[in-house]
Protein backbone atom coordinates (compact mmCIF):
# COMPACT_ATOMS: atom_id res chain seq x y z
CA MET A 1 5.10 17.92 -8.56
CA PRO A 2 6.17 14.46 -7.24
CA PHE A 3 9.79 13.53 -6.23
CA HIS A 4 10.47 10.93 -8.56
CA PRO A 5 10.84 7.48 -6.90
CA LEU A 6 13.87 6.68 -8.94
CA LEU A 7 16.04 9.08 -7.13
CA SER A 8 15.15 8.03 -3.58
CA ARG A 9 16.75 4.62 -3.57
CA VAL A 10 14.12 3.97 -0.81
CA ILE A 11 10.62 3.57 -2.19
CA LEU A 12 7.80 4.04 0.20
CA PRO A 13 4.65 2.17 -0.86
CA VAL A 14 1.15 4.03 -0.64
CA LEU A 15 0.09 1.76 2.16
CA LEU A 16 3.06 2.81 4.47
CA SER A 17 2.62 6.47 3.79
CA PHE A 18 -1.03 6.33 4.92
CA LEU A 19 -0.09 4.29 7.83
CA LEU A 20 2.36 6.88 9.07
CA SER A 21 0.15 9.78 8.75
CA LEU A 22 -3.24 8.77 10.15
CA PRO A 23 -4.09 9.71 13.83
CA ALA A 24 -4.67 7.01 16.19
CA LEU A 25 -8.30 6.05 16.90
CA ALA A 26 -9.79 4.34 19.84
CA GLN A 27 -12.07 1.33 18.90
CA ALA A 28 -13.21 -1.50 21.11
CA ALA A 29 -12.94 -4.56 18.97
CA SER A 30 -14.98 -7.65 19.30
CA GLN A 31 -12.98 -9.67 16.87
CA ASP A 32 -9.27 -9.22 16.12
CA TRP A 33 -7.54 -11.04 13.26
CA ILE A 34 -3.80 -11.04 12.60
CA GLY A 35 -1.87 -11.84 9.44
CA THR A 36 1.67 -11.37 8.01
CA LEU A 37 1.96 -9.73 4.76
CA GLU A 38 5.18 -10.79 2.91
CA THR A 39 6.31 -8.08 0.50
CA PRO A 40 9.26 -7.78 -1.67
CA ALA A 41 10.84 -5.60 1.03
CA GLY A 42 10.09 -7.55 4.06
CA SER A 43 7.36 -8.81 6.33
CA MET A 44 4.53 -6.71 7.76
CA ARG A 45 2.09 -7.67 10.56
CA LEU A 46 -1.38 -6.50 10.03
CA LEU A 47 -4.17 -6.53 12.42
CA VAL A 48 -7.80 -6.22 11.60
CA LYS A 49 -10.05 -5.00 14.39
CA VAL A 50 -13.72 -5.82 13.91
CA SER A 51 -16.57 -4.75 15.95
CA ASP A 52 -20.34 -5.58 15.57
CA ASN A 53 -22.88 -2.73 15.52
CA GLU A 54 -26.43 -2.85 16.89
CA ASP A 55 -28.05 -2.81 13.31
CA GLY A 56 -26.00 -5.94 12.45
CA SER A 57 -23.41 -4.25 10.37
CA GLN A 58 -19.66 -4.30 11.11
CA THR A 59 -17.07 -1.75 11.56
CA ALA A 60 -13.32 -2.36 11.17
CA PHE A 61 -9.86 -0.77 11.42
CA LEU A 62 -6.59 -1.91 10.09
CA GLU A 63 -3.39 -1.55 12.12
CA SER A 64 0.39 -2.30 10.85
CA LEU A 65 1.88 -3.44 14.10
CA ASP A 66 5.43 -3.35 12.83
CA GLN A 67 5.43 -0.03 10.93
CA ALA A 68 2.93 2.13 12.78
CA PRO A 69 1.65 0.50 16.11
CA GLY A 70 -1.56 2.43 17.28
CA GLN A 71 -2.16 3.99 13.93
CA ASN A 72 -5.57 2.87 12.79
CA ILE A 73 -6.87 3.03 9.25
CA PRO A 74 -10.81 3.04 8.81
CA VAL A 75 -11.96 0.04 6.66
CA THR A 76 -14.44 1.14 4.14
CA GLU A 77 -16.31 -1.99 3.73
CA ILE A 78 -16.09 -5.36 5.71
CA VAL A 79 -17.68 -8.72 5.32
CA LEU A 80 -16.81 -11.18 7.97
CA ASP A 81 -18.75 -14.46 8.37
CA ALA A 82 -18.18 -18.05 8.75
CA ASP A 83 -17.28 -18.43 4.96
CA GLN A 84 -15.24 -15.29 4.13
CA MET A 85 -13.38 -12.24 5.03
CA ARG A 86 -13.48 -9.29 2.47
CA PHE A 87 -12.68 -5.77 3.00
CA HIS A 88 -11.89 -2.73 1.18
CA ILE A 89 -9.88 0.40 2.20
CA SER A 90 -10.70 3.23 -0.17
CA ASN A 91 -8.10 5.37 1.40
CA LEU A 92 -5.44 3.11 0.11
CA GLY A 93 -7.01 1.46 -3.04
CA ALA A 94 -6.57 -1.66 -1.36
CA ARG A 95 -8.67 -4.92 -0.98
CA TYR A 96 -8.60 -8.30 0.60
CA ALA A 97 -10.67 -11.33 -0.11
CA GLY A 98 -10.12 -14.72 1.94
CA ARG A 99 -11.98 -17.96 2.37
CA TRP A 100 -12.25 -19.66 5.60
CA ASN A 101 -10.05 -22.78 5.97
CA ALA A 102 -11.52 -24.93 8.72
CA ASP A 103 -8.38 -27.25 9.12
CA ALA A 104 -6.04 -24.30 9.38
CA GLN A 105 -8.60 -22.14 11.34
CA ARG A 106 -7.88 -19.03 9.25
CA TYR A 107 -8.94 -17.00 6.34
CA GLU A 108 -6.73 -17.62 3.16
CA GLY A 109 -6.66 -15.15 0.34
CA GLU A 110 -4.85 -12.06 -1.31
CA PHE A 111 -4.24 -8.52 -0.35
CA GLN A 112 -4.37 -6.30 -3.52
CA GLN A 113 -2.89 -2.78 -3.82
CA GLY A 114 -1.19 -2.34 -7.03
CA MET A 115 0.16 -5.92 -6.80
CA SER A 116 -1.45 -9.09 -5.34
CA LEU A 117 0.11 -10.67 -2.24
CA PRO A 118 -0.98 -13.82 -0.45
CA LEU A 119 -2.46 -13.13 3.09
CA ASN A 120 -3.87 -15.31 5.82
CA PHE A 121 -5.77 -14.10 8.95
CA SER A 122 -5.89 -15.94 12.20
CA ARG A 123 -7.96 -15.22 15.18
CA VAL A 124 -6.35 -13.61 18.15
CA GLU A 125 -7.98 -13.69 21.54
CA GLU A 126 -6.11 -10.47 22.53
CA THR A 127 -4.35 -7.78 20.69
CA ALA A 128 -0.83 -8.35 20.11
CA ALA A 129 1.30 -7.51 23.23
CA VAL A 130 2.71 -3.99 23.50
CA ASN A 131 6.48 -4.23 22.67
CA ILE A 132 8.58 -1.93 25.00
CA ILE A 133 12.31 -1.64 24.78
CA ASP A 134 14.11 0.13 27.64
CA GLY A 135 16.95 2.58 27.24
CA LEU A 136 16.85 3.35 23.32
CA ASP A 137 14.50 6.41 23.21
CA GLY A 138 15.99 9.45 21.48
CA ARG A 139 17.48 10.83 18.45
CA TRP A 140 20.22 8.95 17.05
CA GLU A 141 22.63 10.26 14.26
CA ALA A 142 25.16 8.49 11.98
CA VAL A 143 26.99 8.95 8.72
CA LEU A 144 26.86 5.95 6.27
CA ASP A 145 30.12 5.80 4.18
CA ARG A 146 29.34 3.68 1.18
CA GLU A 147 32.37 3.78 -1.17
CA GLY A 148 33.03 7.34 -0.61
CA THR A 149 29.32 8.51 -0.76
CA LEU A 150 28.17 9.92 2.58
CA LEU A 151 24.64 9.66 3.76
CA ASN A 152 23.65 11.31 6.91
CA LEU A 153 21.14 9.18 8.79
CA VAL A 154 18.74 9.77 11.84
CA LEU A 155 17.07 7.14 13.79
CA ASN A 156 14.23 8.20 15.87
CA ILE A 157 13.10 5.89 18.65
CA GLU A 158 10.17 6.65 20.83
CA THR A 159 8.22 4.70 23.38
CA GLY A 160 4.43 5.56 23.84
CA PRO A 161 1.09 3.83 24.99
CA HIS A 162 1.44 1.40 21.91
CA GLY A 163 4.99 0.37 22.59
CA THR A 164 8.23 1.43 21.16
CA SER A 165 8.41 2.30 17.58
CA ALA A 166 11.30 3.66 15.20
CA THR A 167 11.62 5.57 12.09
CA LEU A 168 14.80 6.39 9.98
CA ASP A 169 15.58 9.69 8.16
CA SER A 170 17.98 9.75 5.21
CA VAL A 171 18.61 13.36 5.42
CA ASP A 172 20.64 13.85 2.26
CA GLN A 173 18.13 12.02 0.17
CA GLY A 174 15.29 14.04 1.71
CA VAL A 175 13.46 10.87 2.66
CA TYR A 176 12.08 10.98 6.30
CA ASP A 177 9.76 8.65 8.47
CA ILE A 178 11.15 5.40 6.80
CA PRO A 179 9.66 2.51 8.71
CA VAL A 180 11.91 0.68 10.92
CA THR A 181 10.79 -2.88 12.11
CA GLY A 182 12.22 -5.72 14.34
CA LEU A 183 13.64 -3.34 16.88
CA SER A 184 15.08 -5.46 19.80
CA ARG A 185 17.49 -5.34 22.43
CA ASP A 186 19.08 -8.31 24.31
CA ALA A 187 21.45 -6.76 26.97
CA ASP A 188 23.92 -4.67 24.77
CA GLN A 189 22.89 -6.33 21.55
CA VAL A 190 20.57 -4.12 19.27
CA THR A 191 19.11 -5.22 16.14
CA LEU A 192 16.58 -3.57 13.60
CA ARG A 193 15.45 -3.78 10.06
CA VAL A 194 14.66 -1.11 7.36
CA PRO A 195 12.47 -3.13 4.98
CA MET A 196 12.09 -0.53 2.16
CA ALA A 197 15.97 -0.58 1.87
CA ASN A 198 16.29 -4.27 2.48
CA VAL A 199 18.75 -3.29 5.37
CA THR A 200 19.58 -5.06 8.56
CA PHE A 201 21.66 -3.30 11.47
CA ALA A 202 23.13 -5.21 14.18
CA ALA A 203 25.00 -3.37 16.80
CA ALA A 204 26.39 -3.28 20.21
CA PHE A 205 25.10 -0.56 22.60
CA ASP A 206 27.78 1.10 24.53
CA ALA A 207 26.04 3.04 27.46
CA GLY A 208 29.34 4.77 28.28
CA THR A 209 29.51 6.70 24.91
CA ASP A 210 25.78 6.43 24.38
CA ALA A 211 26.47 4.85 20.90
CA MET A 212 25.32 1.88 18.79
CA ILE A 213 28.14 0.49 16.82
CA GLY A 214 27.56 -2.26 14.34
CA ASP A 215 27.26 -3.59 10.75
CA TRP A 216 24.83 -2.01 8.13
CA THR A 217 24.03 -4.99 5.99
CA ARG A 218 22.35 -4.96 2.74
CA PRO A 219 22.23 -7.88 0.07
CA GLY A 220 24.61 -7.32 -2.82
CA PHE A 221 26.73 -4.70 -0.97
CA PRO A 222 29.70 -4.92 1.28
CA ASP A 223 28.88 -4.56 5.02
CA VAL A 224 29.71 -1.10 6.50
CA GLN A 225 30.35 -0.32 10.02
CA VAL A 226 27.92 2.43 11.21
CA THR A 227 28.07 4.35 14.56
CA PHE A 228 24.65 5.79 15.72
CA SER A 229 25.26 8.35 18.39
CA ARG A 230 22.41 9.63 20.63
CA THR A 231 22.21 13.38 20.41
CA SER A 232 19.01 13.85 22.23
CA LEU A 233 16.84 11.78 24.81
CA GLU A 234 13.63 13.18 23.22
CA ILE A 235 12.55 13.71 19.69
CA VAL A 236 12.30 17.36 19.55
CA ALA A 237 10.25 19.02 16.68
CA PRO A 238 12.33 21.37 14.62
CA PRO A 239 11.44 25.06 15.12
CA ARG A 240 8.70 26.38 12.79
CA PRO A 241 8.29 30.04 13.77
CA GLN A 242 5.72 30.86 11.02
CA THR A 243 3.10 28.12 12.19
CA PRO A 244 0.15 30.22 13.14
CA GLN A 245 -0.80 30.47 16.77
CA ALA A 246 -3.90 31.46 18.51
CA PRO A 247 -5.54 34.00 19.15
CA PHE A 248 -6.61 34.60 15.62
CA PRO A 249 -8.35 37.78 14.41
CA TYR A 250 -10.49 35.79 12.08
CA ALA A 251 -13.28 33.15 12.40
CA ILE A 252 -12.31 29.42 11.86
CA THR A 253 -14.93 26.85 10.91
CA GLU A 254 -14.31 23.17 10.27
CA VAL A 255 -16.45 22.00 7.40
CA ARG A 256 -17.37 18.93 5.30
CA ILE A 257 -18.22 19.21 1.65
CA ASP A 258 -19.63 16.55 -0.55
CA ASN A 259 -18.56 16.22 -4.26
CA PRO A 260 -21.76 15.28 -6.05
CA GLU A 261 -19.94 14.19 -9.03
CA ALA A 262 -17.98 11.58 -7.12
CA GLU A 263 -19.68 9.11 -5.00
CA GLY A 264 -18.33 8.58 -1.53
CA VAL A 265 -16.22 11.78 -1.74
CA THR A 266 -16.64 14.12 1.23
CA LEU A 267 -13.82 16.76 1.74
CA ALA A 268 -13.03 17.77 5.04
CA GLY A 269 -11.58 21.32 5.40
CA THR A 270 -10.67 24.50 7.49
CA PHE A 271 -12.59 27.81 6.40
CA THR A 272 -10.95 30.95 7.78
CA GLN A 273 -13.14 34.19 7.30
CA PRO A 274 -12.25 37.71 8.33
CA ARG A 275 -14.42 39.11 11.10
CA GLY A 276 -16.69 42.05 10.66
CA ALA A 277 -16.58 42.23 6.95
CA ASP A 278 -19.17 41.57 4.28
CA ARG A 279 -18.85 40.37 0.70
CA VAL A 280 -15.04 39.59 1.08
CA PRO A 281 -12.94 37.96 -1.61
CA ALA A 282 -12.03 34.37 -1.22
CA VAL A 283 -9.79 31.62 -2.19
CA ILE A 284 -9.46 27.77 -2.10
CA LEU A 285 -6.02 26.07 -1.77
CA VAL A 286 -5.23 23.23 -3.92
CA SER A 287 -2.33 20.97 -2.86
CA GLY A 288 0.36 19.25 -4.82
CA SER A 289 0.91 15.69 -5.65
CA GLY A 290 0.72 12.82 -3.22
CA PRO A 291 -1.77 12.43 -0.46
CA GLN A 292 -1.82 15.89 1.51
CA ASP A 293 -3.65 17.16 4.41
CA ARG A 294 -5.27 20.72 4.31
CA ASP A 295 -2.11 22.23 5.63
CA GLU A 296 0.13 20.44 3.04
CA SER A 297 2.12 19.40 6.03
CA ILE A 298 5.76 18.24 5.30
CA TRP A 299 8.55 17.69 7.94
CA GLU A 300 6.71 19.83 10.59
CA HIS A 301 6.07 22.63 8.05
CA ARG A 302 2.41 23.58 7.33
CA PRO A 303 2.72 25.88 4.33
CA PHE A 304 -1.11 26.17 3.52
CA ALA A 305 -1.89 27.04 7.13
CA VAL A 306 0.77 29.78 7.01
CA LEU A 307 -0.59 30.98 3.73
CA ALA A 308 -4.18 31.00 4.79
CA ASP A 309 -3.27 32.78 8.10
CA HIS A 310 -1.64 35.50 6.14
CA LEU A 311 -4.36 35.97 3.67
CA SER A 312 -7.16 35.95 6.07
CA ARG A 313 -5.19 38.72 8.11
CA GLN A 314 -5.35 40.59 4.93
CA GLY A 315 -9.15 40.34 4.43
CA VAL A 316 -9.34 37.34 2.24
CA ALA A 317 -11.42 34.13 3.12
CA VAL A 318 -9.66 30.87 2.72
CA LEU A 319 -10.85 27.34 2.37
CA ARG A 320 -8.22 24.65 2.49
CA TYR A 321 -9.04 20.85 2.65
CA ASP A 322 -7.64 17.48 2.99
CA ASP A 323 -7.24 15.46 -0.18
CA ARG A 324 -9.91 12.88 -0.98
CA GLY A 325 -9.26 9.55 0.82
CA PHE A 326 -6.77 11.31 3.30
CA ALA A 327 -6.81 12.45 6.72
CA ASP A 328 -10.51 13.45 7.53
CA SER A 329 -11.64 13.25 3.97
CA THR A 330 -13.33 10.31 2.32
CA GLY A 331 -12.96 8.64 -0.99
CA GLY A 332 -10.22 6.79 -2.81
CA PHE A 333 -6.99 8.62 -3.36
CA ALA A 334 -4.74 6.00 -4.95
CA THR A 335 -7.14 5.25 -7.90
CA SER A 336 -7.60 8.91 -8.68
CA THR A 337 -6.15 11.21 -11.33
CA SER A 338 -5.57 14.98 -11.45
CA ARG A 339 -8.97 15.37 -13.23
CA ASP A 340 -10.60 13.66 -10.28
CA PHE A 341 -8.87 16.14 -7.94
CA ALA A 342 -10.05 19.02 -10.10
CA SER A 343 -13.59 17.77 -9.82
CA ASP A 344 -13.05 17.82 -5.93
CA ALA A 345 -11.67 21.41 -6.26
CA MET A 346 -14.69 22.69 -8.20
CA ALA A 347 -17.00 21.22 -5.49
CA VAL A 348 -15.26 23.27 -2.96
CA LEU A 349 -15.06 26.37 -5.05
CA ARG A 350 -19.05 26.03 -5.53
CA TRP A 351 -19.55 25.59 -1.94
CA LEU A 352 -17.30 28.75 -1.19
CA ARG A 353 -19.08 30.83 -3.40
CA ALA A 354 -22.35 30.16 -1.70
CA GLN A 355 -21.34 31.09 1.83
CA PRO A 356 -22.66 34.24 3.48
CA GLY A 357 -20.24 37.13 3.52
CA ILE A 358 -18.32 35.97 0.51
CA ASP A 359 -18.35 37.87 -2.75
CA PRO A 360 -19.33 35.19 -5.22
CA ASN A 361 -17.74 37.12 -8.03
CA GLN A 362 -14.29 37.27 -6.28
CA VAL A 363 -13.54 33.68 -5.58
CA GLY A 364 -10.19 32.42 -6.93
CA VAL A 365 -7.84 29.32 -6.59
CA ILE A 366 -4.26 28.96 -5.27
CA GLY A 367 -2.69 25.84 -6.59
CA HIS A 368 0.66 24.44 -5.65
CA SER A 369 2.60 22.34 -7.88
CA GLU A 370 0.02 19.75 -9.15
CA GLY A 371 -2.58 22.20 -7.83
CA GLY A 372 -0.95 24.51 -10.34
CA LEU A 373 -1.84 22.05 -13.01
CA ILE A 374 -5.45 21.60 -11.72
CA ALA A 375 -6.17 25.45 -11.66
CA PRO A 376 -6.15 25.77 -15.34
CA ILE A 377 -8.27 22.79 -15.80
CA MET A 378 -10.90 24.41 -13.38
CA ALA A 379 -10.68 27.58 -15.54
CA ALA A 380 -12.46 25.90 -18.33
CA GLU A 381 -15.55 25.09 -16.25
CA LEU A 382 -18.58 27.39 -16.67
CA ASP A 383 -18.43 28.42 -13.12
CA ALA A 384 -14.67 28.73 -13.06
CA PRO A 385 -12.74 30.66 -10.66
CA ASP A 386 -12.45 34.34 -10.96
CA PHE A 387 -8.60 34.50 -10.73
CA LEU A 388 -5.73 32.02 -10.55
CA VAL A 389 -2.46 31.95 -8.59
CA LEU A 390 -0.06 29.13 -9.78
CA LEU A 391 2.61 28.35 -7.35
CA ALA A 392 5.22 26.28 -9.07
CA GLY A 393 2.68 25.32 -11.57
CA PRO A 394 3.80 23.56 -14.69
CA GLY A 395 4.29 24.98 -18.13
CA THR A 396 5.67 21.78 -19.73
CA THR A 397 4.43 18.17 -20.17
CA GLY A 398 4.39 15.80 -17.23
CA ARG A 399 7.07 13.65 -18.87
CA GLN A 400 9.40 16.54 -19.41
CA ILE A 401 8.89 17.56 -15.83
CA VAL A 402 9.84 13.92 -14.75
CA LEU A 403 12.97 14.00 -16.90
CA GLU A 404 14.09 17.48 -15.92
CA GLN A 405 13.46 16.88 -12.25
CA SER A 406 15.26 13.51 -12.11
CA ALA A 407 18.44 14.92 -13.86
CA LEU A 408 18.53 17.94 -11.51
CA ILE A 409 17.84 16.18 -8.34
CA ALA A 410 20.31 13.41 -9.10
CA GLY A 411 23.02 16.02 -10.02
CA ALA A 412 22.37 18.01 -6.89
CA ALA A 413 22.72 14.77 -4.82
CA GLY A 414 26.16 14.30 -6.17
CA GLY A 415 25.67 11.92 -9.03
CA SER A 416 28.17 12.02 -11.80
CA ALA A 417 27.44 13.51 -15.20
CA GLU A 418 27.95 10.05 -16.66
CA ASP A 419 25.54 8.45 -14.22
CA VAL A 420 22.91 11.24 -14.62
CA GLU A 421 22.99 10.91 -18.34
CA GLU A 422 22.71 7.16 -18.23
CA MET A 423 19.64 7.44 -15.90
CA VAL A 424 17.92 9.93 -17.98
CA GLU A 425 18.39 8.00 -21.25
CA ALA A 426 16.81 4.90 -19.38
CA LEU A 427 14.02 7.09 -18.06
CA GLU A 428 13.26 8.58 -21.46
CA ILE A 429 12.90 5.04 -22.80
CA MET A 430 10.50 3.89 -19.99
CA THR A 431 8.45 7.06 -19.78
CA ALA A 432 7.92 7.06 -23.58
CA GLU A 433 6.71 3.51 -23.38
CA ALA A 434 4.49 4.32 -20.17
CA ALA A 435 3.06 7.35 -21.90
CA LYS A 436 1.42 5.05 -24.64
CA ALA A 437 -0.51 2.95 -22.06
CA GLN A 438 -4.27 3.30 -21.52
CA ASP A 439 -4.03 2.80 -17.77
CA GLY A 440 -1.80 1.64 -14.95
CA ALA A 441 -2.55 -2.03 -15.80
CA ASP A 442 -1.38 -1.42 -19.32
CA VAL A 443 1.85 0.25 -18.02
CA ARG A 444 2.68 -2.81 -16.12
CA ALA A 445 2.22 -4.94 -19.20
CA ARG A 446 4.55 -2.53 -21.31
CA ILE A 447 7.14 -1.84 -18.63
CA THR A 448 7.86 -5.18 -16.89
CA PRO A 449 9.58 -6.93 -19.77
CA MET A 450 12.10 -4.11 -20.10
CA LEU A 451 12.91 -3.98 -16.36
CA THR A 452 16.01 -6.22 -16.53
CA ASP A 453 18.49 -6.09 -13.60
CA GLU A 454 20.70 -4.02 -16.09
CA PHE A 455 18.04 -1.62 -16.86
CA MET A 456 17.06 -1.19 -13.22
CA ALA A 457 20.62 -0.32 -12.43
CA ARG A 458 20.57 2.41 -15.02
CA LEU A 459 17.36 3.97 -13.50
CA GLY A 460 19.11 3.87 -10.12
CA VAL A 461 16.56 1.40 -8.64
CA PRO A 462 17.71 -1.75 -6.75
CA ALA A 463 16.74 -5.02 -8.47
CA ASP A 464 15.00 -6.15 -5.14
CA GLN A 465 12.65 -3.23 -5.31
CA LYS A 466 11.33 -3.88 -8.58
CA GLU A 467 7.95 -4.77 -7.61
CA LEU A 468 7.57 -1.72 -5.30
CA PHE A 469 8.92 0.55 -8.26
CA LEU A 470 6.09 -1.05 -10.39
CA VAL A 471 3.59 -0.01 -7.82
CA GLN A 472 4.67 3.58 -7.96
CA ILE A 473 4.51 3.86 -11.78
CA THR A 474 1.37 1.80 -12.53
CA ARG A 475 -1.22 4.21 -11.06
CA ASP A 476 -3.65 5.76 -13.66
CA TRP A 477 -2.46 8.99 -12.05
CA TYR A 478 1.13 8.40 -13.43
CA VAL A 479 -0.06 7.77 -17.13
CA ASP A 480 -2.30 10.80 -16.90
CA PHE A 481 0.45 12.96 -15.54
CA LEU A 482 3.01 11.96 -18.24
CA ASN A 483 0.70 12.86 -20.97
CA HIS A 484 -0.75 16.15 -19.58
CA ASP A 485 0.21 19.24 -21.60
CA PRO A 486 -0.72 22.27 -19.76
CA ILE A 487 -0.55 24.62 -22.69
CA PRO A 488 -3.90 24.25 -24.10
CA TYR A 489 -5.53 24.77 -20.69
CA LEU A 490 -3.36 27.96 -20.26
CA GLN A 491 -4.33 29.27 -23.67
CA ALA A 492 -7.94 29.10 -22.58
CA VAL A 493 -7.52 31.11 -19.45
CA ASP A 494 -8.80 34.67 -19.66
CA GLN A 495 -8.97 35.14 -15.96
CA PRO A 496 -6.23 37.20 -14.15
CA VAL A 497 -3.28 34.92 -13.27
CA LEU A 498 -0.33 35.18 -11.07
CA ALA A 499 2.29 32.42 -11.81
CA ILE A 500 5.49 32.23 -9.67
CA ILE A 501 8.35 29.54 -9.59
CA GLY A 502 11.38 29.88 -7.21
CA SER A 503 14.74 29.98 -9.14
CA LEU A 504 16.04 26.91 -6.99
CA ASP A 505 13.01 24.80 -7.76
CA LEU A 506 14.35 21.47 -8.72
CA GLN A 507 10.96 19.78 -8.89
CA VAL A 508 9.38 22.18 -11.43
CA PRO A 509 12.39 23.76 -12.86
CA ALA A 510 12.02 27.40 -13.37
CA PRO A 511 13.55 28.08 -16.98
CA SER A 512 11.49 25.66 -19.03
CA ASN A 513 8.21 25.93 -16.95
CA LEU A 514 8.26 29.76 -16.93
CA ALA A 515 8.85 29.75 -20.63
CA GLY A 516 5.87 27.39 -21.10
CA LEU A 517 3.60 29.47 -18.93
CA ARG A 518 4.47 32.64 -20.96
CA ARG A 519 3.76 30.82 -24.08
CA GLY A 520 0.44 29.58 -22.86
CA LEU A 521 -0.58 32.86 -21.24
CA ALA A 522 0.82 35.14 -24.04
CA HIS A 523 -2.77 36.21 -25.01
CA ASN A 524 -3.76 37.11 -21.44
CA ALA A 525 -3.67 40.84 -20.70
CA ASP A 526 -3.57 40.39 -16.95
CA ALA A 527 -0.93 37.45 -16.59
CA THR A 528 1.94 38.03 -14.18
CA ILE A 529 4.67 35.45 -14.45
CA LEU A 530 7.79 35.81 -12.21
CA GLU A 531 10.90 33.97 -11.01
CA LEU A 532 11.48 34.36 -7.34
CA LYS A 533 15.23 34.46 -6.72
CA GLY A 534 16.55 32.06 -4.15
CA LEU A 535 13.39 30.16 -3.31
CA ASN A 536 12.89 26.49 -3.63
CA HIS A 537 9.82 24.39 -4.72
CA MET A 538 8.14 25.11 -1.32
CA PHE A 539 8.93 28.80 -1.63
CA GLN A 540 11.41 28.61 1.18
CA PRO A 541 14.60 30.75 0.93
CA ALA A 542 17.11 28.14 0.10
CA GLN A 543 20.79 27.64 -0.68
CA THR A 544 20.60 24.54 -3.00
CA GLY A 545 16.98 23.74 -3.77
CA THR A 546 17.43 20.09 -2.85
CA ILE A 547 14.68 18.25 -1.16
CA ALA A 548 16.98 17.34 1.83
CA GLU A 549 17.07 21.04 2.60
CA TYR A 550 13.30 21.43 3.14
CA ALA A 551 13.19 20.01 6.55
CA GLN A 552 16.60 21.97 7.66
CA ILE A 553 15.08 25.44 6.74
CA GLU A 554 13.15 27.04 9.59
CA THR A 555 11.04 29.24 7.25
CA THR A 556 7.94 27.63 5.98
CA PHE A 557 7.12 30.38 3.38
CA ASP A 558 9.08 33.32 2.23
CA PRO A 559 7.61 36.41 3.84
CA GLU A 560 7.99 38.48 0.62
CA ALA A 561 6.33 35.83 -1.43
CA LEU A 562 3.42 35.84 0.95
CA VAL A 563 3.11 39.74 0.59
CA LEU A 564 3.33 39.27 -3.21
CA ILE A 565 0.48 36.90 -3.49
CA SER A 566 -1.85 38.82 -1.03
CA ASP A 567 -1.07 42.21 -2.73
CA TRP A 568 -1.81 40.83 -6.22
CA ILE A 569 -5.21 39.35 -4.99
CA THR A 570 -6.03 42.51 -3.21
CA GLU A 571 -5.47 44.70 -6.17
CA ARG A 572 -7.69 42.58 -8.36
CA THR A 573 -10.52 42.18 -5.95
CA THR A 574 -10.69 45.92 -4.86
CA ARG A 575 -11.05 47.50 -8.31
């Protein structure tokens, strides 16, 4: 389930999350066009690289020079001629349309992605210069003390082929890879901006103590002096001992699977198949909410890779795949709902059943979080999965999950009982109205009038992030999720089901959701429903269950939980 944006205090729009996660691509551009997108949270320079193909068509990539230099997003469609520039990026649900202004020598138009923003593109003869800043690379740690509330911050600065870039981690809030812009150094003076928090940091660099000491400035709040101390000259990945390492005792095949029910959607995945065995059972892995790659990667953890490795070593074939419109899969993620993702999962399931060496009558689905919502939807299809494993799957409505997780996470983060109660009351009002909407556009029309500064404060969202907040809650997915009731789908499931939730899960709280699962599956003679003590939403052994803890835990997936899952599947596929 999603970490509700109300609690973050730093809202990352869909565009930036994609920019930070896509691999760099080499592309020789015949035309480069640069523009500055002025967002409510700051400026962002965008570079569109267009090349002409031999058949007369054009290929383009978009790069954010400030947030993620060197990270190129494929443009789905591009039209560039003497009169207009138009492009569409299905991965982002984003569009641009501009007309040529001969006097200004630029295309003038609007960039649309949830909201419309003016954007003009001018021709550049050469790609923007690489920005290299000497002497600042490394991991920098600080504690921000805002009126007694302490936040641990980590500033990561790294210089590579595309220049020097930086990101910020707000460890206690569980928010990582926040884009940093405007990083500069003039002798001992260092400045940077964190647009998503509307923060400016201006500091003096003390080479003797290896520290940057300066003012953390945010409009509407008193300046705070913050000291960033360098703890490492390199950004070292945290230890993840469970990440699978070669050699592997099973076959690995990279695959691409079309969804015939969704034009333009091709799902890229990894198929792991036990060697030397015939007619083996198989599963597909369906990820949680938000754009996820096939490994469900998060903060150097790769839980689906760990799960697939464990199952294939136990004789179960596994197909895991990138969500539509993300990583190597095509299609539009931002405009899709859970039902669209269920359609993708069914296409993968049908493909897997048809593969040589797979027992077509023993193919199941393992869904995590939102994937645990999708799996029961799949169970209603004529060629439904033969068994279901629900990992932190919901047993209550989406709206109830949003309210519960918001209260639990805010409380665990140190919010007072009074503040949490006030936030939940405001959230109840807002989600009740949003749930009445027909689609995301209707949500915007209904919610915008109620978002006064006072109401935003009750929600815990800074007033200057109102538009970014609206982008988050005006997706069709959000309306669909709020209204989704899993009980009717669970009541129709007659396949074997294993449903497990960690006792420290703050995103899909165990008490209410396990009760719902038991109620929905009461008719099913082969339904195993368990609470796993001491595990969080990611099935890691945890102390608090807070999102900030996820990155700090070395274990990716509790070993006993892995054995529970594989033993349950083996027992039902070898009868």
